[in-house]
N, C-alpha and C. Protein backbone atom coordinates (compact mmCIF):
# COMPACT_ATOMS: atom_id res chain seq x y z
N MET A 1 -13.55 17.18 11.08
CA MET A 1 -12.22 17.52 11.55
C MET A 1 -12.20 17.76 13.06
N LYS A 2 -13.32 18.20 13.59
CA LYS A 2 -13.34 18.41 15.04
C LYS A 2 -13.09 17.10 15.79
N ARG A 3 -13.52 15.98 15.19
CA ARG A 3 -13.29 14.69 15.84
C ARG A 3 -11.80 14.38 15.96
N PHE A 4 -11.00 14.92 15.05
CA PHE A 4 -9.56 14.73 15.11
C PHE A 4 -9.01 15.29 16.43
N LEU A 5 -9.57 16.41 16.87
CA LEU A 5 -9.12 17.03 18.12
C LEU A 5 -9.45 16.17 19.34
N GLU A 6 -10.51 15.36 19.23
CA GLU A 6 -10.95 14.54 20.35
C GLU A 6 -10.29 13.18 20.39
N ASP A 7 -9.63 12.79 19.31
CA ASP A 7 -9.02 11.47 19.22
C ASP A 7 -7.85 11.36 20.20
N THR A 8 -7.70 10.20 20.82
CA THR A 8 -6.65 10.00 21.83
C THR A 8 -5.45 9.21 21.31
N THR A 9 -5.42 8.95 20.02
CA THR A 9 -4.33 8.13 19.46
C THR A 9 -2.98 8.82 19.61
N TYR A 10 -2.93 10.13 19.47
CA TYR A 10 -1.65 10.83 19.62
C TYR A 10 -1.11 10.69 21.05
N SER A 11 -2.00 10.76 22.02
CA SER A 11 -1.57 10.54 23.41
C SER A 11 -1.03 9.14 23.59
N SER A 12 -1.68 8.18 22.97
CA SER A 12 -1.20 6.79 23.03
C SER A 12 0.18 6.67 22.42
N LEU A 13 0.40 7.39 21.32
CA LEU A 13 1.71 7.36 20.67
C LEU A 13 2.80 7.89 21.59
N THR A 14 2.56 9.05 22.17
CA THR A 14 3.60 9.64 23.03
C THR A 14 3.84 8.79 24.28
N GLU A 15 2.78 8.20 24.82
CA GLU A 15 2.94 7.31 25.97
C GLU A 15 3.73 6.07 25.59
N ALA A 16 3.46 5.53 24.41
CA ALA A 16 4.17 4.33 23.96
C ALA A 16 5.66 4.60 23.82
N PHE A 17 6.02 5.75 23.28
CA PHE A 17 7.43 6.07 23.17
C PHE A 17 8.05 6.32 24.54
N ALA A 18 7.32 6.95 25.43
CA ALA A 18 7.83 7.19 26.78
C ALA A 18 8.09 5.88 27.52
N GLN A 19 7.28 4.87 27.21
CA GLN A 19 7.41 3.57 27.86
C GLN A 19 8.24 2.58 27.04
N ALA A 20 8.81 3.06 25.95
CA ALA A 20 9.62 2.24 25.04
C ALA A 20 8.85 1.01 24.56
N ASP A 21 7.57 1.21 24.27
CA ASP A 21 6.70 0.14 23.80
C ASP A 21 6.58 0.24 22.27
N ALA A 22 7.46 -0.46 21.57
CA ALA A 22 7.53 -0.35 20.12
C ALA A 22 6.26 -0.85 19.44
N GLU A 23 5.68 -1.91 19.95
CA GLU A 23 4.46 -2.45 19.33
C GLU A 23 3.30 -1.46 19.41
N ARG A 24 3.13 -0.88 20.58
CA ARG A 24 2.06 0.11 20.76
C ARG A 24 2.34 1.38 19.95
N ALA A 25 3.61 1.78 19.90
CA ALA A 25 3.99 2.96 19.10
C ALA A 25 3.68 2.72 17.63
N LEU A 26 3.99 1.52 17.14
CA LEU A 26 3.70 1.20 15.75
C LEU A 26 2.21 1.25 15.47
N ALA A 27 1.41 0.68 16.34
CA ALA A 27 -0.04 0.68 16.14
C ALA A 27 -0.58 2.11 16.10
N ALA A 28 -0.15 2.94 17.04
CA ALA A 28 -0.63 4.32 17.10
C ALA A 28 -0.15 5.13 15.90
N SER A 29 1.12 4.99 15.55
CA SER A 29 1.66 5.73 14.42
C SER A 29 0.97 5.33 13.12
N HIS A 30 0.71 4.05 12.96
CA HIS A 30 0.03 3.56 11.76
C HIS A 30 -1.39 4.13 11.69
N THR A 31 -2.09 4.15 12.81
CA THR A 31 -3.44 4.72 12.85
C THR A 31 -3.42 6.19 12.49
N LEU A 32 -2.48 6.92 13.06
CA LEU A 32 -2.37 8.36 12.77
C LEU A 32 -1.98 8.62 11.33
N LYS A 33 -1.14 7.77 10.78
CA LYS A 33 -0.77 7.90 9.37
C LYS A 33 -2.02 7.84 8.49
N GLY A 34 -2.88 6.88 8.76
CA GLY A 34 -4.11 6.74 7.99
C GLY A 34 -5.06 7.89 8.19
N MET A 35 -5.23 8.30 9.44
CA MET A 35 -6.14 9.41 9.73
C MET A 35 -5.67 10.68 9.02
N CYS A 36 -4.39 10.97 9.14
CA CYS A 36 -3.86 12.20 8.55
C CYS A 36 -3.90 12.14 7.02
N GLY A 37 -3.67 10.97 6.47
CA GLY A 37 -3.78 10.82 5.02
C GLY A 37 -5.19 11.05 4.54
N ASN A 38 -6.16 10.48 5.26
CA ASN A 38 -7.56 10.66 4.89
C ASN A 38 -8.02 12.10 4.99
N LEU A 39 -7.44 12.84 5.91
CA LEU A 39 -7.82 14.24 6.10
C LEU A 39 -6.94 15.20 5.29
N SER A 40 -6.04 14.66 4.50
CA SER A 40 -5.11 15.45 3.66
C SER A 40 -4.17 16.33 4.47
N PHE A 41 -3.79 15.85 5.66
CA PHE A 41 -2.75 16.52 6.45
C PHE A 41 -1.42 15.95 5.96
N THR A 42 -0.96 16.44 4.83
CA THR A 42 0.15 15.85 4.10
C THR A 42 1.44 15.77 4.91
N GLU A 43 1.81 16.85 5.55
CA GLU A 43 3.07 16.85 6.30
C GLU A 43 3.02 15.80 7.41
N LEU A 44 1.92 15.77 8.16
CA LEU A 44 1.80 14.78 9.23
C LEU A 44 1.76 13.37 8.67
N SER A 45 1.03 13.17 7.61
CA SER A 45 0.95 11.85 6.99
C SER A 45 2.34 11.37 6.58
N ASP A 46 3.12 12.26 5.99
CA ASP A 46 4.48 11.91 5.57
C ASP A 46 5.36 11.57 6.78
N LEU A 47 5.24 12.34 7.83
CA LEU A 47 6.03 12.07 9.04
C LEU A 47 5.65 10.72 9.65
N PHE A 48 4.36 10.44 9.73
CA PHE A 48 3.93 9.15 10.27
C PHE A 48 4.32 8.00 9.36
N THR A 49 4.31 8.22 8.05
CA THR A 49 4.76 7.19 7.11
C THR A 49 6.22 6.84 7.37
N ARG A 50 7.05 7.85 7.57
CA ARG A 50 8.46 7.63 7.88
C ARG A 50 8.61 6.91 9.22
N GLN A 51 7.82 7.34 10.20
CA GLN A 51 7.92 6.74 11.53
C GLN A 51 7.51 5.26 11.49
N VAL A 52 6.43 4.96 10.80
CA VAL A 52 5.98 3.57 10.68
C VAL A 52 7.07 2.72 10.02
N ALA A 53 7.68 3.22 8.96
CA ALA A 53 8.74 2.48 8.28
C ALA A 53 9.91 2.20 9.21
N LEU A 54 10.28 3.20 10.00
CA LEU A 54 11.38 3.01 10.95
C LEU A 54 11.02 1.99 12.02
N LEU A 55 9.80 2.05 12.51
CA LEU A 55 9.37 1.08 13.52
C LEU A 55 9.32 -0.33 12.95
N HIS A 56 8.86 -0.46 11.72
CA HIS A 56 8.86 -1.78 11.07
C HIS A 56 10.28 -2.31 10.92
N ALA A 57 11.23 -1.42 10.73
CA ALA A 57 12.63 -1.80 10.55
C ALA A 57 13.34 -2.02 11.88
N GLY A 58 12.62 -1.85 12.98
CA GLY A 58 13.23 -2.03 14.30
C GLY A 58 14.10 -0.88 14.75
N GLN A 59 13.92 0.28 14.15
CA GLN A 59 14.74 1.45 14.48
C GLN A 59 13.94 2.38 15.40
N PHE A 60 13.73 1.93 16.61
CA PHE A 60 12.90 2.64 17.57
C PHE A 60 13.43 4.03 17.87
N ASP A 61 14.73 4.16 18.12
CA ASP A 61 15.29 5.47 18.47
C ASP A 61 15.16 6.48 17.33
N GLN A 62 15.36 6.02 16.10
CA GLN A 62 15.20 6.92 14.96
C GLN A 62 13.74 7.32 14.80
N ALA A 63 12.83 6.39 15.05
CA ALA A 63 11.39 6.71 14.99
C ALA A 63 11.04 7.73 16.06
N ALA A 64 11.60 7.55 17.24
CA ALA A 64 11.35 8.49 18.34
C ALA A 64 11.90 9.87 18.02
N SER A 65 12.99 9.91 17.26
CA SER A 65 13.60 11.21 16.94
C SER A 65 12.70 12.08 16.06
N LEU A 66 11.67 11.50 15.47
CA LEU A 66 10.72 12.27 14.66
C LEU A 66 9.67 12.98 15.52
N LEU A 67 9.58 12.61 16.79
CA LEU A 67 8.53 13.18 17.64
C LEU A 67 8.53 14.71 17.72
N PRO A 68 9.67 15.38 17.82
CA PRO A 68 9.61 16.86 17.85
C PRO A 68 8.99 17.45 16.58
N GLN A 69 9.32 16.90 15.41
CA GLN A 69 8.72 17.39 14.16
C GLN A 69 7.23 17.08 14.14
N ILE A 70 6.88 15.90 14.59
CA ILE A 70 5.47 15.51 14.63
C ILE A 70 4.70 16.42 15.57
N GLU A 71 5.26 16.69 16.73
CA GLU A 71 4.60 17.57 17.71
C GLU A 71 4.36 18.96 17.11
N LYS A 72 5.36 19.49 16.43
CA LYS A 72 5.23 20.82 15.82
C LYS A 72 4.13 20.81 14.76
N SER A 73 4.11 19.81 13.93
CA SER A 73 3.10 19.71 12.88
C SER A 73 1.71 19.48 13.47
N MET A 74 1.62 18.66 14.52
CA MET A 74 0.34 18.45 15.20
C MET A 74 -0.20 19.75 15.76
N GLN A 75 0.66 20.56 16.35
CA GLN A 75 0.24 21.85 16.90
C GLN A 75 -0.30 22.75 15.79
N THR A 76 0.37 22.79 14.67
CA THR A 76 -0.07 23.61 13.54
C THR A 76 -1.45 23.16 13.07
N VAL A 77 -1.62 21.86 12.91
CA VAL A 77 -2.90 21.32 12.43
C VAL A 77 -4.01 21.56 13.45
N THR A 78 -3.76 21.24 14.71
CA THR A 78 -4.81 21.40 15.72
C THR A 78 -5.18 22.87 15.91
N ASN A 79 -4.20 23.75 15.85
CA ASN A 79 -4.51 25.18 15.94
C ASN A 79 -5.38 25.65 14.78
N ALA A 80 -5.07 25.17 13.58
CA ALA A 80 -5.85 25.55 12.40
C ALA A 80 -7.28 25.03 12.50
N ILE A 81 -7.44 23.81 12.98
CA ILE A 81 -8.78 23.23 13.14
C ILE A 81 -9.56 24.06 14.15
N ARG A 82 -8.93 24.39 15.26
CA ARG A 82 -9.62 25.19 16.29
C ARG A 82 -10.04 26.55 15.74
N GLU A 83 -9.18 27.19 14.97
CA GLU A 83 -9.50 28.49 14.41
C GLU A 83 -10.69 28.41 13.45
N CYS A 84 -10.78 27.34 12.71
CA CYS A 84 -11.82 27.20 11.69
C CYS A 84 -13.12 26.62 12.20
N PHE A 85 -13.05 25.73 13.18
CA PHE A 85 -14.23 24.97 13.55
C PHE A 85 -14.68 25.08 14.99
N VAL A 86 -13.90 25.65 15.83
CA VAL A 86 -14.28 25.70 17.25
C VAL A 86 -14.62 27.12 17.65
């Protein structure tokens, strides 16, 4: 789980949305969906699943609107990992 803290995919995701790069956002969101699913981060996995579906449907703005929820959930998960493993 400590490796999750070192992964840069979330930074890539936020940069992709800031640059309105839908292809890069899709790749990053899809990667994070898998990572979070494998680690049983259910809330994050569900959010990324929704975001990937929206990006596949060409709904970039709606996918971007999930970022505040994703950020909040990421903070919760990363804080918990730090408390337990760092």
